[in-house]
C-alpha atoms as a PDB file:
ATOM      1  CA  MET A   1    -107.561 103.085 -92.718  1.00  0.00           C
ATOM      2  CA  PRO A   2    -106.909 106.389 -94.488  1.00  0.00           C
ATOM      3  CA  PRO A   3    -107.585 106.642 -98.251  1.00  0.00           C
ATOM      4  CA  LYS A   4    -103.880 107.240 -99.030  1.00  0.00           C
ATOM      5  CA  PHE A   5    -101.074 104.815 -98.200  1.00  0.00           C
ATOM      6  CA  LYS A   6     -98.487 106.228 -95.824  1.00  0.00           C
ATOM      7  CA  SER A   7     -95.457 103.955 -95.657  1.00  0.00           C
ATOM      8  CA  ILE A   8     -93.273 103.376 -92.642  1.00  0.00           C
ATOM      9  CA  VAL A   9     -89.666 104.285 -93.312  1.00  0.00           C
ATOM     10  CA  GLY A  10     -87.001 101.560 -93.205  1.00  0.00           C
ATOM     11  CA  ALA A  11     -86.995  97.789 -92.739  1.00  0.00           C
ATOM     12  CA  GLN A  12     -89.902  97.836 -90.285  1.00  0.00           C
ATOM     13  CA  GLY A  13     -92.154  99.244 -93.020  1.00  0.00           C
ATOM     14  CA  TYR A  14     -91.090  96.507 -95.408  1.00  0.00           C
ATOM     15  CA  GLN A  15     -91.711  93.852 -92.765  1.00  0.00           C
ATOM     16  CA  GLN A  16     -95.212  95.115 -91.945  1.00  0.00           C
ATOM     17  CA  SER A  17     -96.428  95.647 -95.501  1.00  0.00           C
ATOM     18  CA  ASN A  18     -95.109  92.519 -97.252  1.00  0.00           C
ATOM     19  CA  PRO A  19     -95.651  88.806 -96.744  1.00  0.00           C
ATOM     20  CA  SER A  20     -92.697  86.774 -95.539  1.00  0.00           C
ATOM     21  CA  VAL A  21     -90.443  85.111 -98.082  1.00  0.00           C
ATOM     22  CA  LEU A  22     -91.444  81.645 -96.825  1.00  0.00           C
ATOM     23  CA  THR A  23     -95.126  82.437 -97.390  1.00  0.00           C
ATOM     24  CA  THR A  24     -94.541  83.668-100.919  1.00  0.00           C
ATOM     25  CA  VAL A  25     -92.425  80.644-101.847  1.00  0.00           C
ATOM     26  CA  SER A  26     -95.268  78.272-100.952  1.00  0.00           C
ATOM     27  CA  LEU A  27     -97.652  80.465-102.952  1.00  0.00           C
ATOM     28  CA  LEU A  28     -95.330  80.239-105.953  1.00  0.00           C
ATOM     29  CA  GLY A  29     -95.552  76.452-105.858  1.00  0.00           C
ATOM     30  CA  SER A  30     -99.353  76.477-105.899  1.00  0.00           C
ATOM     31  CA  LEU A  31     -99.423  79.063-108.716  1.00  0.00           C
ATOM     32  CA  GLN A  32     -97.176  76.780-110.776  1.00  0.00           C
ATOM     33  CA  VAL A  33     -99.672  73.942-110.299  1.00  0.00           C
ATOM     34  CA  PHE A  34    -102.531  76.192-111.469  1.00  0.00           C
ATOM     35  CA  LYS A  35    -100.485  77.257-114.508  1.00  0.00           C
ATOM     36  CA  ALA A  36     -99.666  73.643-115.401  1.00  0.00           C
ATOM     37  CA  ALA A  37    -103.383  72.809-115.227  1.00  0.00           C
ATOM     38  CA  GLY A  38    -104.190  75.520-117.791  1.00  0.00           C
ATOM     39  CA  GLY A  39    -104.917  78.441-115.509  1.00  0.00           C
ATOM     40  CA  VAL A  40    -107.963  79.652-113.636  1.00  0.00           C
ATOM     41  CA  PRO A  41    -110.322  79.903-116.678  1.00  0.00           C
ATOM     42  CA  VAL A  42    -109.700  76.238-117.567  1.00  0.00           C
ATOM     43  CA  LEU A  43    -110.108  75.137-113.951  1.00  0.00           C
ATOM     44  CA  ARG A  44    -113.323  77.153-113.574  1.00  0.00           C
ATOM     45  CA  GLU A  45    -114.828  75.484-116.658  1.00  0.00           C
ATOM     46  CA  ARG A  46    -113.820  72.067-115.340  1.00  0.00           C
ATOM     47  CA  SER A  47    -115.324  73.010-111.979  1.00  0.00           C
ATOM     48  CA  LYS A  48    -118.635  73.914-113.645  1.00  0.00           C
ATOM     49  CA  VAL A  49    -118.713  70.587-115.497  1.00  0.00           C
ATOM     50  CA  LEU A  50    -117.932  68.538-112.377  1.00  0.00           C
ATOM     51  CA  THR A  51    -120.409  70.418-110.172  1.00  0.00           C
ATOM     52  CA  ALA A  52    -123.158  70.169-112.812  1.00  0.00           C
ATOM     53  CA  HIS A  53    -122.519  66.420-113.082  1.00  0.00           C
ATOM     54  CA  LEU A  54    -122.627  66.024-109.298  1.00  0.00           C
ATOM     55  CA  GLU A  55    -125.885  67.984-109.240  1.00  0.00           C
ATOM     56  CA  ARG A  56    -127.426  65.732-111.947  1.00  0.00           C
ATOM     57  CA  LEU A  57    -126.431  62.621-110.013  1.00  0.00           C
ATOM     58  CA  LEU A  58    -127.799  64.006-106.749  1.00  0.00           C
ATOM     59  CA  THR A  59    -131.106  65.122-108.254  1.00  0.00           C
ATOM     60  CA  SER A  60    -131.600  61.678-109.793  1.00  0.00           C
ATOM     61  CA  SER A  61    -131.116  59.989-106.401  1.00  0.00           C
ATOM     62  CA  PRO A  62    -134.225  58.260-105.045  1.00  0.00           C
ATOM     63  CA  TYR A  63    -133.606  60.198-101.813  1.00  0.00           C
ATOM     64  CA  PHE A  64    -133.602  63.648-103.422  1.00  0.00           C
ATOM     65  CA  ILE A  65    -136.612  65.912-103.015  1.00  0.00           C
ATOM     66  CA  GLU A  66    -137.179  69.423-104.326  1.00  0.00           C
ATOM     67  CA  LEU A  67    -136.807  72.224-101.792  1.00  0.00           C
ATOM     68  CA  LYS A  68    -140.512  73.122-101.901  1.00  0.00           C
ATOM     69  CA  GLU A  69    -141.362  69.479-101.078  1.00  0.00           C
ATOM     70  CA  ALA A  70    -138.968  69.536 -98.123  1.00  0.00           C
ATOM     71  CA  GLU A  71    -141.177  72.095 -96.410  1.00  0.00           C
ATOM     72  CA  LYS A  72    -144.242  69.797 -96.412  1.00  0.00           C
ATOM     73  CA  GLY A  73    -143.714  67.963 -93.165  1.00  0.00           C
ATOM     74  CA  PRO A  74    -142.484  64.544 -91.991  1.00  0.00           C
ATOM     75  CA  ARG A  75    -140.940  62.089 -94.433  1.00  0.00           C
ATOM     76  CA  PRO A  76    -138.433  59.246 -94.567  1.00  0.00           C
ATOM     77  CA  PRO A  77    -134.734  60.191 -94.648  1.00  0.00           C
ATOM     78  CA  SER A  78    -133.983  62.293 -97.716  1.00  0.00           C
ATOM     79  CA  PHE A  79    -132.114  65.412 -98.822  1.00  0.00           C
ATOM     80  CA  THR A  80    -132.563  68.525-100.897  1.00  0.00           C
ATOM     81  CA  ILE A  81    -130.082  70.956-102.413  1.00  0.00           C
ATOM     82  CA  ILE A  82    -130.236  74.422-100.893  1.00  0.00           C
ATOM     83  CA  THR A  83    -127.492  75.963-103.049  1.00  0.00           C
ATOM     84  CA  PRO A  84    -128.625  78.228-105.914  1.00  0.00           C
ATOM     85  CA  LYS A  85    -129.135  76.365-109.207  1.00  0.00           C
ATOM     86  CA  ASP A  86    -127.291  79.012-111.225  1.00  0.00           C
ATOM     87  CA  PRO A  87    -123.617  77.954-111.542  1.00  0.00           C
ATOM     88  CA  GLU A  88    -122.502  81.600-111.440  1.00  0.00           C
ATOM     89  CA  SER A  89    -124.231  82.033-108.065  1.00  0.00           C
ATOM     90  CA  ARG A  90    -122.828  79.003-106.298  1.00  0.00           C
ATOM     91  CA  GLY A  91    -119.251  78.354-107.274  1.00  0.00           C
ATOM     92  CA  ALA A  92    -118.212  74.704-106.988  1.00  0.00           C
ATOM     93  CA  GLN A  93    -120.031  73.624-103.858  1.00  0.00           C
ATOM     94  CA  LEU A  94    -123.478  72.140-103.326  1.00  0.00           C
ATOM     95  CA  SER A  95    -125.126  72.278 -99.897  1.00  0.00           C
ATOM     96  CA  LEU A  96    -127.306  69.276 -99.083  1.00  0.00           C
ATOM     97  CA  LEU A  97    -129.964  69.648 -96.392  1.00  0.00           C
ATOM     98  CA  PHE A  98    -130.790  66.286 -94.814  1.00  0.00           C
ATOM     99  CA  LEU A  99    -134.320  65.526 -93.649  1.00  0.00           C
ATOM    100  CA  PRO A 100    -136.092  65.059 -91.325  1.00  0.00           C
ATOM    101  CA  LEU A 101    -134.397  67.923 -89.543  1.00  0.00           C
ATOM    102  CA  GLY A 102    -132.750  67.515 -86.174  1.00  0.00           C
ATOM    103  CA  ILE A 103    -132.802  63.722 -85.793  1.00  0.00           C
ATOM    104  CA  GLY A 104    -129.215  62.923 -86.797  1.00  0.00           C
ATOM    105  CA  VAL A 105    -129.669  61.896 -90.450  1.00  0.00           C
ATOM    106  CA  MET A 106    -126.872  64.205 -91.594  1.00  0.00           C
ATOM    107  CA  GLN A 107    -124.501  62.966 -88.887  1.00  0.00           C
ATOM    108  CA  ARG A 108    -125.015  59.320 -89.911  1.00  0.00           C
ATOM    109  CA  VAL A 109    -124.555  60.118 -93.613  1.00  0.00           C
ATOM    110  CA  PHE A 110    -121.466  62.223 -92.864  1.00  0.00           C
ATOM    111  CA  ALA A 111    -119.903  59.417 -90.798  1.00  0.00           C
ATOM    112  CA  ASP A 112    -120.544  56.993 -93.659  1.00  0.00           C
ATOM    113  CA  MET A 113    -118.972  59.402 -96.132  1.00  0.00           C
ATOM    114  CA  GLN A 114    -115.868  59.730 -93.976  1.00  0.00           C
ATOM    115  CA  SER A 115    -115.529  55.974 -93.559  1.00  0.00           C
ATOM    116  CA  HIS A 116    -115.621  55.587 -97.361  1.00  0.00           C
ATOM    117  CA  GLY A 117    -113.116  58.361 -98.062  1.00  0.00           C
ATOM    118  CA  VAL A 118    -115.628  60.933 -99.354  1.00  0.00           C
ATOM    119  CA  VAL A 119    -114.554  64.357 -98.144  1.00  0.00           C
ATOM    120  CA  GLY A 120    -117.298  66.846 -97.384  1.00  0.00           C
ATOM    121  CA  ASP A 121    -117.887  69.653 -94.955  1.00  0.00           C
ATOM    122  CA  GLU A 122    -120.559  69.361 -92.279  1.00  0.00           C
ATOM    123  CA  ARG A 123    -122.616  72.311 -91.122  1.00  0.00           C
ATOM    124  CA  GLN A 124    -124.557  71.453 -88.007  1.00  0.00           C
ATOM    125  CA  PRO A 125    -127.269  70.573 -87.553  1.00  0.00           C
ATOM    126  CA  ASP A 126    -128.340  69.171 -90.957  1.00  0.00           C
ATOM    127  CA  VAL A 127    -126.175  70.296 -93.917  1.00  0.00           C
ATOM    128  CA  ILE A 128    -123.285  68.667 -95.773  1.00  0.00           C
ATOM    129  CA  ARG A 129    -121.389  70.677 -98.377  1.00  0.00           C
ATOM    130  CA  LEU A 130    -119.794  68.841-101.302  1.00  0.00           C
ATOM    131  CA  SER A 131    -117.410  70.453-103.753  1.00  0.00           C
ATOM    132  CA  PRO A 132    -115.630  68.551-106.504  1.00  0.00           C
ATOM    133  CA  ALA A 133    -112.136  70.037-106.786  1.00  0.00           C
ATOM    134  CA  PRO A 134    -111.227  70.582-110.440  1.00  0.00           C
ATOM    135  CA  LEU A 135    -107.509  70.004-109.872  1.00  0.00           C
ATOM    136  CA  TYR A 136    -107.922  66.398-108.797  1.00  0.00           C
ATOM    137  CA  ASN A 137    -111.517  65.108-108.792  1.00  0.00           C
ATOM    138  CA  GLU A 138    -112.966  63.135-111.687  1.00  0.00           C
ATOM    139  CA  ILE A 139    -116.504  62.310-112.831  1.00  0.00           C
ATOM    140  CA  ALA A 140    -116.110  58.903-111.150  1.00  0.00           C
ATOM    141  CA  ASP A 141    -115.484  60.642-107.809  1.00  0.00           C
ATOM    142  CA  CYS A 142    -118.851  62.402-108.095  1.00  0.00           C
ATOM    143  CA  ALA A 143    -120.577  59.074-108.775  1.00  0.00           C
ATOM    144  CA  ALA A 144    -118.808  57.446-105.824  1.00  0.00           C
ATOM    145  CA  ALA A 145    -119.881  60.256-103.468  1.00  0.00           C
ATOM    146  CA  VAL A 146    -123.535  59.955-104.509  1.00  0.00           C
ATOM    147  CA  ARG A 147    -123.388  56.155-104.196  1.00  0.00           C
ATOM    148  CA  VAL A 148    -122.118  56.483-100.607  1.00  0.00           C
ATOM    149  CA  ILE A 149    -124.866  59.009 -99.771  1.00  0.00           C
ATOM    150  CA  ASN A 150    -127.543  56.737-101.282  1.00  0.00           C
ATOM    151  CA  ASN A 151    -126.260  53.703 -99.401  1.00  0.00           C
ATOM    152  CA  ALA A 152    -126.124  55.652 -96.142  1.00  0.00           C
ATOM    153  CA  LEU A 153    -129.705  56.844 -96.571  1.00  0.00           C
ATOM    154  CA  ALA A 154    -130.861  53.358 -97.522  1.00  0.00           C
ATOM    155  CA  SER A 155    -129.573  52.057 -94.213  1.00  0.00           C
ATOM    156  CA  ASN A 156    -131.215  54.846 -92.132  1.00  0.00           C
END
């Protein structure tokens, strides 16, 4: 791509360099929702609060172990958080590494989460990512997610 923009003359240039009207209309609707919620700065602060609360709940779980402990060999089913602790370095999501590695602990926990309506994102072979969404998640949703994880690990 050259450093200077060189436009195409006529309607073809407009069509190639602009999103379609239908795409922009759907974007307008989502921007209105963000505005009604107070804007990105308000949502980011709410995101930090929710993610910090989720992290506190997870680290107080009887199945949580520190990352350095996770490297010390065999253990009963557990998890650690592999996402950076600094909120500015991680955004809203926390990545949970399930142990022991490679024996299906994460898959069983993930199936339990799905059956209880907890939405996460699996990363094979052993990671689940959780991210409380500041537009619609509440503190109670974080507690429910951790309760489901604890119950799933208790039954492993």
